[in-house]
Structures are given as C-alpha cells and as structure tokens.
Amino acid sequence: MTNLTNNEFTVALNNYFQTIGTLCQQIVELAGAVIKTAGSVIEPIIKTAGSVIEPITKTATGLVGNASTTVTQVYQGSTASVTPKK
C-alpha cells in the first residue's frame, strides 16, 4: 500500500513540475513575441533600437528556457531518486 502511495505521489509530482516547466517556457515565448513585436513596431522609428532588442530577446529567451528545463530535470531526478525501486 505504501509503494502505491509513493508511486502516485511521484507521478503527481513529476507531472506538476513538467506542467510548471511547460508553463514557464510558454511565458518566455510569449514575452519574446511581445518584445519582438514591440521591436518591429519601433524599428521604423528607431532602426538601431530594433536591431539591438532582437538579439537580446533571443538570448534572454534561450537562457530562461534553458533554466526552466534544467529546473524541471532536477525535480524529475529528485522524484526519481525518491521513487522506490521494484
């Protein structure tokens, strides 16, 4: 009975952190799209501002996406270590 409870808890915890990771990645993508759109609106007005914003956006999006993936993997690893072996 205890193993079933631990397995259910591990699955639920794993699903929770996968959902959090996916949500973080989607928020980052949305923020990147907003910044890119703002850059494309501003670009005709201030050409250099648009060309500076896009590389920064890509780098920031990549960093935050990688960080959220790493956090998700760490939690998956910790839940896997808690899961009892059969």
PDB file of N, CA and C in Angstrom:
ATOM      1  N   MET A   1       0.820  -1.188   0.000  1.00  0.00           N
ATOM      2  CA  MET A   1       0.000   0.000   0.000  1.00  0.00           C
ATOM      3  C   MET A   1       0.866   1.256   0.000  1.00  0.00           C
ATOM      4  N   THR A   2       1.958   1.214   0.751  1.00  0.00           N
ATOM      5  CA  THR A   2       2.845   2.370   0.814  1.00  0.00           C
ATOM      6  C   THR A   2       3.498   2.625  -0.529  1.00  0.00           C
ATOM      7  N   ASN A   3       3.911   1.577  -1.233  1.00  0.00           N
ATOM      8  CA  ASN A   3       4.534   1.740  -2.550  1.00  0.00           C
ATOM      9  C   ASN A   3       3.577   2.382  -3.540  1.00  0.00           C
ATOM     10  N   LEU A   4       2.330   1.995  -3.497  1.00  0.00           N
ATOM     11  CA  LEU A   4       1.342   2.580  -4.390  1.00  0.00           C
ATOM     12  C   LEU A   4       1.202   4.074  -4.100  1.00  0.00           C
ATOM     13  N   THR A   5       1.163   4.445  -2.848  1.00  0.00           N
ATOM     14  CA  THR A   5       1.044   5.851  -2.466  1.00  0.00           C
ATOM     15  C   THR A   5       2.282   6.629  -2.910  1.00  0.00           C
ATOM     16  N   ASN A   6       3.478   6.052  -2.691  1.00  0.00           N
ATOM     17  CA  ASN A   6       4.706   6.717  -3.118  1.00  0.00           C
ATOM     18  C   ASN A   6       4.756   6.869  -4.621  1.00  0.00           C
ATOM     19  N   ASN A   7       4.350   5.841  -5.357  1.00  0.00           N
ATOM     20  CA  ASN A   7       4.356   5.920  -6.819  1.00  0.00           C
ATOM     21  C   ASN A   7       3.365   6.966  -7.319  1.00  0.00           C
ATOM     22  N   GLU A   8       2.202   6.995  -6.728  1.00  0.00           N
ATOM     23  CA  GLU A   8       1.213   8.003  -7.128  1.00  0.00           C
ATOM     24  C   GLU A   8       1.720   9.407  -6.828  1.00  0.00           C
ATOM     25  N   PHE A   9       2.341   9.572  -5.675  1.00  0.00           N
ATOM     26  CA  PHE A   9       2.899  10.874  -5.319  1.00  0.00           C
ATOM     27  C   PHE A   9       4.005  11.271  -6.287  1.00  0.00           C
ATOM     28  N   THR A  10       4.866  10.328  -6.640  1.00  0.00           N
ATOM     29  CA  THR A  10       5.964  10.610  -7.561  1.00  0.00           C
ATOM     30  C   THR A  10       5.437  11.002  -8.930  1.00  0.00           C
ATOM     31  N   VAL A  11       4.445  10.285  -9.419  1.00  0.00           N
ATOM     32  CA  VAL A  11       3.854  10.609 -10.723  1.00  0.00           C
ATOM     33  C   VAL A  11       3.207  11.990 -10.680  1.00  0.00           C
ATOM     34  N   ALA A  12       2.480  12.260  -9.619  1.00  0.00           N
ATOM     35  CA  ALA A  12       1.822  13.567  -9.496  1.00  0.00           C
ATOM     36  C   ALA A  12       2.852  14.690  -9.419  1.00  0.00           C
ATOM     37  N   LEU A  13       3.918  14.483  -8.645  1.00  0.00           N
ATOM     38  CA  LEU A  13       4.962  15.500  -8.516  1.00  0.00           C
ATOM     39  C   LEU A  13       5.683  15.718  -9.835  1.00  0.00           C
ATOM     40  N   ASN A  14       5.952  14.632 -10.538  1.00  0.00           N
ATOM     41  CA  ASN A  14       6.607  14.716 -11.843  1.00  0.00           C
ATOM     42  C   ASN A  14       5.727  15.483 -12.834  1.00  0.00           C
ATOM     43  N   ASN A  15       4.451  15.168 -12.862  1.00  0.00           N
ATOM     44  CA  ASN A  15       3.515  15.879 -13.753  1.00  0.00           C
ATOM     45  C   ASN A  15       3.419  17.356 -13.387  1.00  0.00           C
ATOM     46  N   TYR A  16       3.445  17.640 -12.105  1.00  0.00           N
ATOM     47  CA  TYR A  16       3.376  19.029 -11.646  1.00  0.00           C
ATOM     48  C   TYR A  16       4.559  19.833 -12.172  1.00  0.00           C
ATOM     49  N   PHE A  17       5.762  19.287 -12.019  1.00  0.00           N
ATOM     50  CA  PHE A  17       6.935  20.028 -12.451  1.00  0.00           C
ATOM     51  C   PHE A  17       7.055  20.086 -13.969  1.00  0.00           C
ATOM     52  N   GLN A  18       6.570  19.085 -14.666  1.00  0.00           N
ATOM     53  CA  GLN A  18       6.540  19.174 -16.130  1.00  0.00           C
ATOM     54  C   GLN A  18       5.594  20.282 -16.562  1.00  0.00           C
ATOM     55  N   THR A  19       4.456  20.378 -15.893  1.00  0.00           N
ATOM     56  CA  THR A  19       3.496  21.438 -16.214  1.00  0.00           C
ATOM     57  C   THR A  19       4.086  22.807 -15.913  1.00  0.00           C
ATOM     58  N   ILE A  20       4.752  22.945 -14.776  1.00  0.00           N
ATOM     59  CA  ILE A  20       5.387  24.220 -14.423  1.00  0.00           C
ATOM     60  C   ILE A  20       6.462  24.582 -15.458  1.00  0.00           C
ATOM     61  N   GLY A  21       7.273  23.606 -15.868  1.00  0.00           N
ATOM     62  CA  GLY A  21       8.303  23.854 -16.874  1.00  0.00           C
ATOM     63  C   GLY A  21       7.716  24.293 -18.197  1.00  0.00           C
ATOM     64  N   THR A  22       6.648  23.611 -18.622  1.00  0.00           N
ATOM     65  CA  THR A  22       5.987  23.981 -19.877  1.00  0.00           C
ATOM     66  C   THR A  22       5.384  25.375 -19.778  1.00  0.00           C
ATOM     67  N   LEU A  23       4.762  25.671 -18.652  1.00  0.00           N
ATOM     68  CA  LEU A  23       4.167  26.987 -18.458  1.00  0.00           C
ATOM     69  C   LEU A  23       5.225  28.083 -18.500  1.00  0.00           C
ATOM     70  N   CYS A  24       6.352  27.843 -17.849  1.00  0.00           N
ATOM     71  CA  CYS A  24       7.444  28.829 -17.867  1.00  0.00           C
ATOM     72  C   CYS A  24       7.953  29.052 -19.286  1.00  0.00           C
ATOM     73  N   GLN A  25       8.114  27.965 -20.039  1.00  0.00           N
ATOM     74  CA  GLN A  25       8.593  28.103 -21.413  1.00  0.00           C
ATOM     75  C   GLN A  25       7.601  28.880 -22.267  1.00  0.00           C
ATOM     76  N   GLN A  26       6.300  28.631 -22.073  1.00  0.00           N
ATOM     77  CA  GLN A  26       5.295  29.355 -22.841  1.00  0.00           C
ATOM     78  C   GLN A  26       5.265  30.835 -22.472  1.00  0.00           C
ATOM     79  N   ILE A  27       5.454  31.143 -21.209  1.00  0.00           N
ATOM     80  CA  ILE A  27       5.503  32.544 -20.786  1.00  0.00           C
ATOM     81  C   ILE A  27       6.701  33.242 -21.414  1.00  0.00           C
ATOM     82  N   VAL A  28       7.832  32.549 -21.440  1.00  0.00           N
ATOM     83  CA  VAL A  28       9.034  33.123 -22.042  1.00  0.00           C
ATOM     84  C   VAL A  28       8.826  33.345 -23.538  1.00  0.00           C
ATOM     85  N   GLU A  29       8.228  32.379 -24.207  1.00  0.00           N
ATOM     86  CA  GLU A  29       7.964  32.533 -25.649  1.00  0.00           C
ATOM     87  C   GLU A  29       7.010  33.695 -25.901  1.00  0.00           C
ATOM     88  N   LEU A  30       5.992  33.826 -25.054  1.00  0.00           N
ATOM     89  CA  LEU A  30       5.043  34.934 -25.200  1.00  0.00           C
ATOM     90  C   LEU A  30       5.741  36.275 -24.982  1.00  0.00           C
ATOM     91  N   ALA A  31       6.572  36.349 -23.951  1.00  0.00           N
ATOM     92  CA  ALA A  31       7.314  37.587 -23.693  1.00  0.00           C
ATOM     93  C   ALA A  31       8.241  37.908 -24.862  1.00  0.00           C
ATOM     94  N   GLY A  32       8.888  36.891 -25.408  1.00  0.00           N
ATOM     95  CA  GLY A  32       9.755  37.095 -26.564  1.00  0.00           C
ATOM     96  C   GLY A  32       8.985  37.618 -27.764  1.00  0.00           C
ATOM     97  N   ALA A  33       7.789  37.046 -27.984  1.00  0.00           N
ATOM     98  CA  ALA A  33       6.965  37.501 -29.099  1.00  0.00           C
ATOM     99  C   ALA A  33       6.523  38.950 -28.898  1.00  0.00           C
ATOM    100  N   VAL A  34       6.172  39.293 -27.666  1.00  0.00           N
ATOM    101  CA  VAL A  34       5.754  40.670 -27.374  1.00  0.00           C
ATOM    102  C   VAL A  34       6.915  41.635 -27.609  1.00  0.00           C
ATOM    103  N   ILE A  35       8.095  41.253 -27.130  1.00  0.00           N
ATOM    104  CA  ILE A  35       9.256  42.125 -27.308  1.00  0.00           C
ATOM    105  C   ILE A  35       9.632  42.234 -28.782  1.00  0.00           C
ATOM    106  N   LYS A  36       9.545  41.116 -29.500  1.00  0.00           N
ATOM    107  CA  LYS A  36       9.866  41.148 -30.926  1.00  0.00           C
ATOM    108  C   LYS A  36       8.867  42.027 -31.683  1.00  0.00           C
ATOM    109  N   THR A  37       7.595  41.908 -31.320  1.00  0.00           N
ATOM    110  CA  THR A  37       6.573  42.752 -31.951  1.00  0.00           C
ATOM    111  C   THR A  37       6.813  44.219 -31.625  1.00  0.00           C
ATOM    112  N   ALA A  38       7.141  44.492 -30.373  1.00  0.00           N
ATOM    113  CA  ALA A  38       7.444  45.875 -29.990  1.00  0.00           C
ATOM    114  C   ALA A  38       8.653  46.371 -30.767  1.00  0.00           C
ATOM    115  N   GLY A  39       9.647  45.491 -30.928  1.00  0.00           N
ATOM    116  CA  GLY A  39      10.833  45.869 -31.697  1.00  0.00           C
ATOM    117  C   GLY A  39      10.498  46.168 -33.143  1.00  0.00           C
ATOM    118  N   SER A  40       9.588  45.366 -33.742  1.00  0.00           N
ATOM    119  CA  SER A  40       9.242  45.598 -35.140  1.00  0.00           C
ATOM    120  C   SER A  40       8.386  46.850 -35.313  1.00  0.00           C
ATOM    121  N   VAL A  41       7.651  47.239 -34.277  1.00  0.00           N
ATOM    122  CA  VAL A  41       6.867  48.477 -34.338  1.00  0.00           C
ATOM    123  C   VAL A  41       7.789  49.677 -34.174  1.00  0.00           C
ATOM    124  N   ILE A  42       8.750  49.559 -33.287  1.00  0.00           N
ATOM    125  CA  ILE A  42       9.668  50.660 -33.008  1.00  0.00           C
ATOM    126  C   ILE A  42      10.725  50.799 -34.099  1.00  0.00           C
ATOM    127  N   GLU A  43      11.057  49.681 -34.757  1.00  0.00           N
ATOM    128  CA  GLU A  43      12.159  49.678 -35.722  1.00  0.00           C
ATOM    129  C   GLU A  43      12.045  50.744 -36.803  1.00  0.00           C
ATOM    130  N   PRO A  44      10.886  50.947 -37.409  1.00  0.00           N
ATOM    131  CA  PRO A  44      10.838  52.032 -38.402  1.00  0.00           C
ATOM    132  C   PRO A  44      11.136  53.402 -37.798  1.00  0.00           C
ATOM    133  N   ILE A  45      10.798  53.564 -36.531  1.00  0.00           N
ATOM    134  CA  ILE A  45      11.035  54.842 -35.879  1.00  0.00           C
ATOM    135  C   ILE A  45      12.503  54.960 -35.457  1.00  0.00           C
ATOM    136  N   ILE A  46      12.972  53.950 -34.788  1.00  0.00           N
ATOM    137  CA  ILE A  46      14.361  53.942 -34.321  1.00  0.00           C
ATOM    138  C   ILE A  46      14.997  52.643 -34.810  1.00  0.00           C
ATOM    139  N   LYS A  47      15.638  52.692 -35.953  1.00  0.00           N
ATOM    140  CA  LYS A  47      16.187  51.499 -36.607  1.00  0.00           C
ATOM    141  C   LYS A  47      17.147  50.738 -35.700  1.00  0.00           C
ATOM    142  N   THR A  48      18.038  51.393 -35.038  1.00  0.00           N
ATOM    143  CA  THR A  48      19.020  50.705 -34.227  1.00  0.00           C
ATOM    144  C   THR A  48      18.412  50.045 -32.997  1.00  0.00           C
ATOM    145  N   ALA A  49      17.347  50.604 -32.459  1.00  0.00           N
ATOM    146  CA  ALA A  49      16.705  50.004 -31.284  1.00  0.00           C
ATOM    147  C   ALA A  49      16.153  48.627 -31.633  1.00  0.00           C
ATOM    148  N   GLY A  50      15.540  48.497 -32.788  1.00  0.00           N
ATOM    149  CA  GLY A  50      15.004  47.206 -33.215  1.00  0.00           C
ATOM    150  C   GLY A  50      16.088  46.169 -33.408  1.00  0.00           C
ATOM    151  N   SER A  51      17.226  46.588 -33.958  1.00  0.00           N
ATOM    152  CA  SER A  51      18.306  45.633 -34.198  1.00  0.00           C
ATOM    153  C   SER A  51      19.023  45.237 -32.914  1.00  0.00           C
ATOM    154  N   VAL A  52      18.919  46.047 -31.877  1.00  0.00           N
ATOM    155  CA  VAL A  52      19.538  45.714 -30.596  1.00  0.00           C
ATOM    156  C   VAL A  52      18.602  44.836 -29.762  1.00  0.00           C
ATOM    157  N   ILE A  53      17.317  45.074 -29.826  1.00  0.00           N
ATOM    158  CA  ILE A  53      16.350  44.349 -28.997  1.00  0.00           C
ATOM    159  C   ILE A  53      16.273  42.871 -29.397  1.00  0.00           C
ATOM    160  N   GLU A  54      16.273  42.570 -30.680  1.00  0.00           N
ATOM    161  CA  GLU A  54      16.066  41.183 -31.110  1.00  0.00           C
ATOM    162  C   GLU A  54      17.137  40.221 -30.614  1.00  0.00           C
ATOM    163  N   PRO A  55      18.442  40.515 -30.748  1.00  0.00           N
ATOM    164  CA  PRO A  55      19.428  39.563 -30.215  1.00  0.00           C
ATOM    165  C   PRO A  55      19.341  39.402 -28.697  1.00  0.00           C
ATOM    166  N   ILE A  56      19.040  40.485 -27.996  1.00  0.00           N
ATOM    167  CA  ILE A  56      18.897  40.398 -26.539  1.00  0.00           C
ATOM    168  C   ILE A  56      17.692  39.527 -26.198  1.00  0.00           C
ATOM    169  N   THR A  57      16.614  39.686 -26.932  1.00  0.00           N
ATOM    170  CA  THR A  57      15.420  38.886 -26.703  1.00  0.00           C
ATOM    171  C   THR A  57      15.707  37.407 -26.925  1.00  0.00           C
ATOM    172  N   LYS A  58      16.388  37.087 -28.011  1.00  0.00           N
ATOM    173  CA  LYS A  58      16.703  35.683 -28.302  1.00  0.00           C
ATOM    174  C   LYS A  58      17.579  35.095 -27.208  1.00  0.00           C
ATOM    175  N   THR A  59      18.561  35.840 -26.756  1.00  0.00           N
ATOM    176  CA  THR A  59      19.455  35.348 -25.711  1.00  0.00           C
ATOM    177  C   THR A  59      18.703  35.165 -24.401  1.00  0.00           C
ATOM    178  N   ALA A  60      17.906  36.161 -24.017  1.00  0.00           N
ATOM    179  CA  ALA A  60      17.150  36.069 -22.761  1.00  0.00           C
ATOM    180  C   ALA A  60      16.146  34.924 -22.810  1.00  0.00           C
ATOM    181  N   THR A  61      15.466  34.776 -23.938  1.00  0.00           N
ATOM    182  CA  THR A  61      14.506  33.685 -24.090  1.00  0.00           C
ATOM    183  C   THR A  61      15.203  32.341 -23.968  1.00  0.00           C
ATOM    184  N   GLY A  62      16.342  32.205 -24.607  1.00  0.00           N
ATOM    185  CA  GLY A  62      17.096  30.954 -24.528  1.00  0.00           C
ATOM    186  C   GLY A  62      17.558  30.652 -23.113  1.00  0.00           C
ATOM    187  N   LEU A  63      18.053  31.668 -22.417  1.00  0.00           N
ATOM    188  CA  LEU A  63      18.531  31.462 -21.049  1.00  0.00           C
ATOM    189  C   LEU A  63      17.405  31.045 -20.112  1.00  0.00           C
ATOM    190  N   VAL A  64      16.278  31.735 -20.193  1.00  0.00           N
ATOM    191  CA  VAL A  64      15.163  31.411 -19.307  1.00  0.00           C
ATOM    192  C   VAL A  64      14.584  30.042 -19.670  1.00  0.00           C
ATOM    193  N   GLY A  65      14.493  29.752 -20.955  1.00  0.00           N
ATOM    194  CA  GLY A  65      14.009  28.434 -21.376  1.00  0.00           C
ATOM    195  C   GLY A  65      14.914  27.328 -20.884  1.00  0.00           C
ATOM    196  N   ASN A  66      16.224  27.511 -21.008  1.00  0.00           N
ATOM    197  CA  ASN A  66      17.175  26.512 -20.514  1.00  0.00           C
ATOM    198  C   ASN A  66      17.095  26.373 -19.005  1.00  0.00           C
ATOM    199  N   ALA A  67      16.932  27.483 -18.318  1.00  0.00           N
ATOM    200  CA  ALA A  67      16.841  27.438 -16.858  1.00  0.00           C
ATOM    201  C   ALA A  67      15.599  26.675 -16.408  1.00  0.00           C
ATOM    202  N   SER A  68      14.468  26.932 -17.064  1.00  0.00           N
ATOM    203  CA  SER A  68      13.246  26.219 -16.675  1.00  0.00           C
ATOM    204  C   SER A  68      13.352  24.734 -16.992  1.00  0.00           C
ATOM    205  N   THR A  69      14.000  24.393 -18.108  1.00  0.00           N
ATOM    206  CA  THR A  69      14.218  22.986 -18.441  1.00  0.00           C
ATOM    207  C   THR A  69      15.125  22.324 -17.414  1.00  0.00           C
ATOM    208  N   THR A  70      16.168  23.022 -17.002  1.00  0.00           N
ATOM    209  CA  THR A  70      17.087  22.477 -16.005  1.00  0.00           C
ATOM    210  C   THR A  70      16.378  22.252 -14.677  1.00  0.00           C
ATOM    211  N   VAL A  71      15.573  23.218 -14.261  1.00  0.00           N
ATOM    212  CA  VAL A  71      14.833  23.070 -13.004  1.00  0.00           C
ATOM    213  C   VAL A  71      13.887  21.878 -13.091  1.00  0.00           C
ATOM    214  N   THR A  72      13.210  21.726 -14.206  1.00  0.00           N
ATOM    215  CA  THR A  72      12.304  20.592 -14.389  1.00  0.00           C
ATOM    216  C   THR A  72      13.070  19.280 -14.310  1.00  0.00           C
ATOM    217  N   GLN A  73      14.236  19.221 -14.961  1.00  0.00           N
ATOM    218  CA  GLN A  73      15.032  17.996 -14.935  1.00  0.00           C
ATOM    219  C   GLN A  73      15.551  17.691 -13.538  1.00  0.00           C
ATOM    220  N   VAL A  74      15.915  18.713 -12.788  1.00  0.00           N
ATOM    221  CA  VAL A  74      16.379  18.497 -11.414  1.00  0.00           C
ATOM    222  C   VAL A  74      15.259  17.900 -10.569  1.00  0.00           C
ATOM    223  N   TYR A  75      14.065  18.452 -10.691  1.00  0.00           N
ATOM    224  CA  TYR A  75      12.944  17.917  -9.915  1.00  0.00           C
ATOM    225  C   TYR A  75      12.571  16.512 -10.369  1.00  0.00           C
ATOM    226  N   GLN A  76      12.655  16.250 -11.672  1.00  0.00           N
ATOM    227  CA  GLN A  76      12.393  14.893 -12.150  1.00  0.00           C
ATOM    228  C   GLN A  76      13.416  13.918 -11.582  1.00  0.00           C
ATOM    229  N   GLY A  77      14.665  14.337 -11.544  1.00  0.00           N
ATOM    230  CA  GLY A  77      15.709  13.488 -10.978  1.00  0.00           C
ATOM    231  C   GLY A  77      15.496  13.243  -9.499  1.00  0.00           C
ATOM    232  N   SER A  78      15.067  14.283  -8.782  1.00  0.00           N
ATOM    233  CA  SER A  78      14.844  14.105  -7.347  1.00  0.00           C
ATOM    234  C   SER A  78      13.644  13.209  -7.094  1.00  0.00           C
ATOM    235  N   THR A  79      12.601  13.324  -7.908  1.00  0.00           N
ATOM    236  CA  THR A  79      11.454  12.427  -7.716  1.00  0.00           C
ATOM    237  C   THR A  79      11.814  11.003  -8.100  1.00  0.00           C
ATOM    238  N   ALA A  80      12.685  10.847  -9.093  1.00  0.00           N
ATOM    239  CA  ALA A  80      13.110   9.504  -9.475  1.00  0.00           C
ATOM    240  C   ALA A  80      13.935   8.869  -8.370  1.00  0.00           C
ATOM    241  N   SER A  81      14.694   9.659  -7.653  1.00  0.00           N
ATOM    242  CA  SER A  81      15.512   9.091  -6.570  1.00  0.00           C
ATOM    243  C   SER A  81      14.645   8.741  -5.363  1.00  0.00           C
ATOM    244  N   VAL A  82      13.485   9.395  -5.225  1.00  0.00           N
ATOM    245  CA  VAL A  82      12.592   9.100  -4.118  1.00  0.00           C
ATOM    246  C   VAL A  82      11.735   7.869  -4.414  1.00  0.00           C
ATOM    247  N   THR A  83      11.499   7.620  -5.699  1.00  0.00           N
ATOM    248  CA  THR A  83      10.662   6.500  -6.101  1.00  0.00           C
ATOM    249  C   THR A  83      11.292   5.183  -5.666  1.00  0.00           C
ATOM    250  N   PRO A  84      10.536   4.355  -4.985  1.00  0.00           N
ATOM    251  CA  PRO A  84      11.095   3.062  -4.570  1.00  0.00           C
ATOM    252  C   PRO A  84      11.346   2.163  -5.785  1.00  0.00           C
ATOM    253  N   LYS A  85      12.449   1.440  -5.742  1.00  0.00           N
ATOM    254  CA  LYS A  85      12.793   0.510  -6.814  1.00  0.00           C
ATOM    255  C   LYS A  85      12.044  -0.793  -6.585  1.00  0.00           C
ATOM    256  N   LYS A  86      11.588  -1.401  -7.684  1.00  0.00           N
ATOM    257  CA  LYS A  86      10.857  -2.670  -7.558  1.00  0.00           C
ATOM    258  C   LYS A  86      11.818  -3.838  -7.594  1.00  0.00           C
TER     259      LYS A  86
END
